[in-house]
């Protein structure tokens, strides 16, 4: 009897978890979470519609749309890179999912109202980690654009949130201009 109860409990729990994850994985969530993450960084979202669902190809197509065909032809594209590159005028690529949370949350002090307030920075880091984790659970992939500049014309880490299902790329600066 115990074995049947345990097995039934395990199957029910697994089924409910699978249903919960299945309900999260959709393009509407990726869109919503991308805009929330950008808002956390005081950034705007640049939306690009691409014709591929392969992450590296999505970044290549984004580069043509964002920088023009001629400039994009000079780019080097890296797959599964481990850092969010900036000030690299001819570099773009995808990021390893395993490093995205660390790389993005590292930027919290740049957008905190008071970067010396450890509690504020910690709360902001937690919010960024939560949003990025939910994006990962929603099926988002990630990339970067090493050629990006913020509205002050300064190099900035530029995150690309890739939605392979909807074939959309959401771009956002992580170091906004404070002027």
Protein backbone atom coordinates (compact mmCIF):
# COMPACT_ATOMS: atom_id res chain seq x y z
CA UNK A 1 0.00 0.00 0.00
CA UNK A 2 2.83 2.39 0.90
CA UNK A 3 4.55 1.68 -2.39
CA UNK A 4 1.38 2.44 -4.39
CA UNK A 5 0.83 5.65 -2.44
CA UNK A 6 4.45 6.75 -2.96
CA UNK A 7 4.37 5.91 -6.66
CA UNK A 8 1.04 7.72 -7.14
CA UNK A 9 2.32 10.73 -5.22
CA UNK A 10 5.52 10.80 -7.29
CA UNK A 11 3.64 10.57 -10.61
CA UNK A 12 1.13 13.25 -9.55
CA UNK A 13 3.92 15.58 -8.38
CA UNK A 14 5.93 15.03 -11.56
CA UNK A 15 2.85 15.59 -13.73
CA UNK A 16 1.95 18.82 -11.94
CA UNK A 17 5.52 20.10 -12.24
CA UNK A 18 5.58 19.25 -15.94
CA UNK A 19 2.26 21.05 -16.46
CA UNK A 20 3.51 24.07 -14.53
CA UNK A 21 6.68 24.29 -16.63
CA UNK A 22 4.75 23.72 -19.83
CA UNK A 23 2.44 26.62 -19.01
CA UNK A 24 5.41 28.95 -18.42
CA UNK A 25 7.20 28.13 -21.66
CA UNK A 26 5.75 30.54 -24.19
CA UNK A 27 6.67 33.60 -26.18
CA UNK A 28 4.31 35.88 -24.25
CA UNK A 29 6.31 35.19 -21.07
CA UNK A 30 9.61 35.84 -22.83
CA UNK A 31 8.26 39.13 -24.17
CA UNK A 32 6.86 40.21 -20.79
CA UNK A 33 9.99 39.22 -18.86
CA UNK A 34 12.28 40.91 -21.40
CA UNK A 35 10.44 44.19 -20.93
CA UNK A 36 10.55 43.80 -17.13
CA UNK A 37 14.29 43.12 -17.23
CA UNK A 38 14.88 46.15 -19.46
CA UNK A 39 12.83 48.30 -17.09
CA UNK A 40 15.02 47.11 -14.22
CA UNK A 41 18.02 48.40 -16.17
CA UNK A 42 16.21 51.68 -17.02
CA UNK A 43 16.54 50.61 -20.62
CA UNK A 44 14.31 50.41 -23.65
CA UNK A 45 13.75 47.24 -25.60
CA UNK A 46 14.67 47.13 -29.26
CA UNK A 47 12.63 44.40 -30.94
CA UNK A 48 13.85 42.62 -34.07
CA UNK A 49 11.95 39.99 -36.05
CA UNK A 50 14.26 37.40 -37.60
CA UNK A 51 13.72 34.39 -39.88
CA UNK A 52 15.51 31.72 -37.86
CA UNK A 53 15.01 29.82 -34.64
CA UNK A 54 18.70 28.86 -34.32
CA UNK A 55 20.29 31.17 -31.71
CA UNK A 56 23.55 32.00 -33.55
CA UNK A 57 21.70 32.61 -36.80
CA UNK A 58 19.25 34.84 -34.90
CA UNK A 59 22.20 36.94 -33.66
CA UNK A 60 23.60 37.19 -37.20
CA UNK A 61 20.25 38.34 -38.57
CA UNK A 62 19.85 40.79 -35.66
CA UNK A 63 23.28 42.24 -36.52
CA UNK A 64 22.22 42.91 -40.11
CA UNK A 65 19.00 44.57 -38.94
CA UNK A 66 20.68 46.61 -36.19
CA UNK A 67 23.91 47.63 -37.95
CA UNK A 68 23.27 47.16 -41.65
CA UNK A 69 24.48 44.52 -44.06
CA UNK A 70 27.89 46.08 -44.78
CA UNK A 71 28.85 46.49 -41.13
CA UNK A 72 27.48 43.09 -40.11
CA UNK A 73 29.70 41.48 -42.75
CA UNK A 74 32.73 42.59 -40.71
CA UNK A 75 31.49 40.93 -37.51
CA UNK A 76 32.92 37.86 -35.89
CA UNK A 77 30.21 35.68 -34.32
CA UNK A 78 30.97 33.55 -31.27
CA UNK A 79 28.76 30.73 -30.06
CA UNK A 80 28.23 29.92 -26.37
CA UNK A 81 30.51 32.70 -25.18
CA UNK A 82 31.15 33.01 -21.44
CA UNK A 83 31.18 36.80 -20.99
CA UNK A 84 28.99 39.71 -21.94
CA UNK A 85 31.43 41.60 -24.17
CA UNK A 86 31.40 45.35 -24.67
CA UNK A 87 33.45 47.80 -26.72
CA UNK A 88 34.23 45.11 -29.28
CA UNK A 89 33.04 46.77 -32.51
CA UNK A 90 33.00 43.63 -34.62
CA UNK A 91 31.92 40.97 -32.14
CA UNK A 92 28.53 39.45 -31.38
CA UNK A 93 27.30 36.03 -30.42
CA UNK A 94 25.37 33.77 -28.13
CA UNK A 95 25.96 33.32 -24.42
CA UNK A 96 26.08 30.09 -22.47
CA UNK A 97 22.90 29.87 -20.43
CA UNK A 98 24.99 28.82 -17.44
CA UNK A 99 26.76 32.20 -17.30
CA UNK A 100 23.89 34.54 -18.19
CA UNK A 101 22.61 35.01 -14.63
CA UNK A 102 26.07 35.87 -13.30
CA UNK A 103 26.93 38.17 -16.19
CA UNK A 104 23.65 40.09 -16.06
CA UNK A 105 23.40 40.38 -12.27
CA UNK A 106 26.99 41.67 -12.20
CA UNK A 107 25.65 44.86 -13.81
CA UNK A 108 23.34 45.75 -10.87
CA UNK A 109 25.66 48.39 -9.32
CA UNK A 110 25.64 50.31 -12.62
CA UNK A 111 21.90 50.92 -12.43
CA UNK A 112 21.40 51.22 -8.68
CA UNK A 113 20.43 54.73 -7.55
CA UNK A 114 23.15 54.49 -4.93
CA UNK A 115 25.79 51.93 -5.87
CA UNK A 116 27.33 52.29 -2.38
CA UNK A 117 24.09 51.10 -0.73
CA UNK A 118 24.80 47.37 -0.42
CA UNK A 119 21.18 46.55 0.47
CA UNK A 120 19.82 48.34 -2.61
CA UNK A 121 22.37 46.63 -4.87
CA UNK A 122 21.57 43.23 -3.30
CA UNK A 123 17.82 43.71 -3.88
CA UNK A 124 18.46 44.78 -7.46
CA UNK A 125 20.73 41.79 -8.05
CA UNK A 126 18.03 39.47 -6.67
CA UNK A 127 15.41 40.99 -8.96
CA UNK A 128 17.72 40.61 -11.97
CA UNK A 129 18.52 37.00 -11.03
CA UNK A 130 14.80 36.21 -10.66
CA UNK A 131 13.85 37.74 -14.02
CA UNK A 132 16.77 36.11 -15.82
CA UNK A 133 15.97 32.75 -14.26
CA UNK A 134 12.35 33.02 -15.36
CA UNK A 135 13.52 33.89 -18.89
CA UNK A 136 15.64 30.74 -18.90
CA UNK A 137 12.68 28.65 -17.68
CA UNK A 138 10.55 30.24 -20.39
CA UNK A 139 12.86 28.92 -23.08
CA UNK A 140 14.79 32.10 -23.86
CA UNK A 141 18.30 31.93 -25.24
CA UNK A 142 20.77 34.80 -24.89
CA UNK A 143 23.29 36.71 -26.92
CA UNK A 144 25.34 39.89 -26.89
CA UNK A 145 26.31 42.72 -29.19
CA UNK A 146 29.84 43.95 -28.51
CA UNK A 147 29.29 46.95 -30.80
CA UNK A 148 26.50 48.60 -28.79
CA UNK A 149 26.58 52.11 -27.40
CA UNK A 150 24.17 53.73 -24.97
CA UNK A 151 22.36 57.02 -25.66
CA UNK A 152 25.43 58.95 -24.45
CA UNK A 153 27.51 57.23 -27.14
CA UNK A 154 29.49 55.13 -24.64
CA UNK A 155 30.16 51.41 -25.06
CA UNK A 156 27.70 49.31 -23.07
CA UNK A 157 27.01 45.65 -22.40
CA UNK A 158 24.10 44.89 -24.69
CA UNK A 159 22.03 41.83 -23.90
CA UNK A 160 20.05 40.01 -26.56
CA UNK A 161 17.14 37.91 -25.33
CA UNK A 162 16.36 35.41 -28.06
CA UNK A 163 12.92 33.87 -28.49
CA UNK A 164 13.48 30.98 -30.92
CA UNK A 165 9.80 30.02 -31.01
CA UNK A 166 8.58 33.47 -32.07
CA UNK A 167 11.81 34.25 -33.96
CA UNK A 168 12.26 37.53 -32.10
CA UNK A 169 15.27 39.24 -30.58
CA UNK A 170 14.84 41.68 -27.68
CA UNK A 171 17.88 43.93 -27.23
CA UNK A 172 18.64 46.08 -24.20
CA UNK A 173 21.52 48.13 -22.87
CA UNK A 174 22.69 47.27 -19.38
CA UNK A 175 24.52 50.58 -18.77
CA UNK A 176 22.05 53.31 -19.66
CA UNK A 177 23.04 56.93 -20.05
CA UNK A 178 22.18 58.83 -16.86
CA UNK A 179 22.02 62.25 -18.48
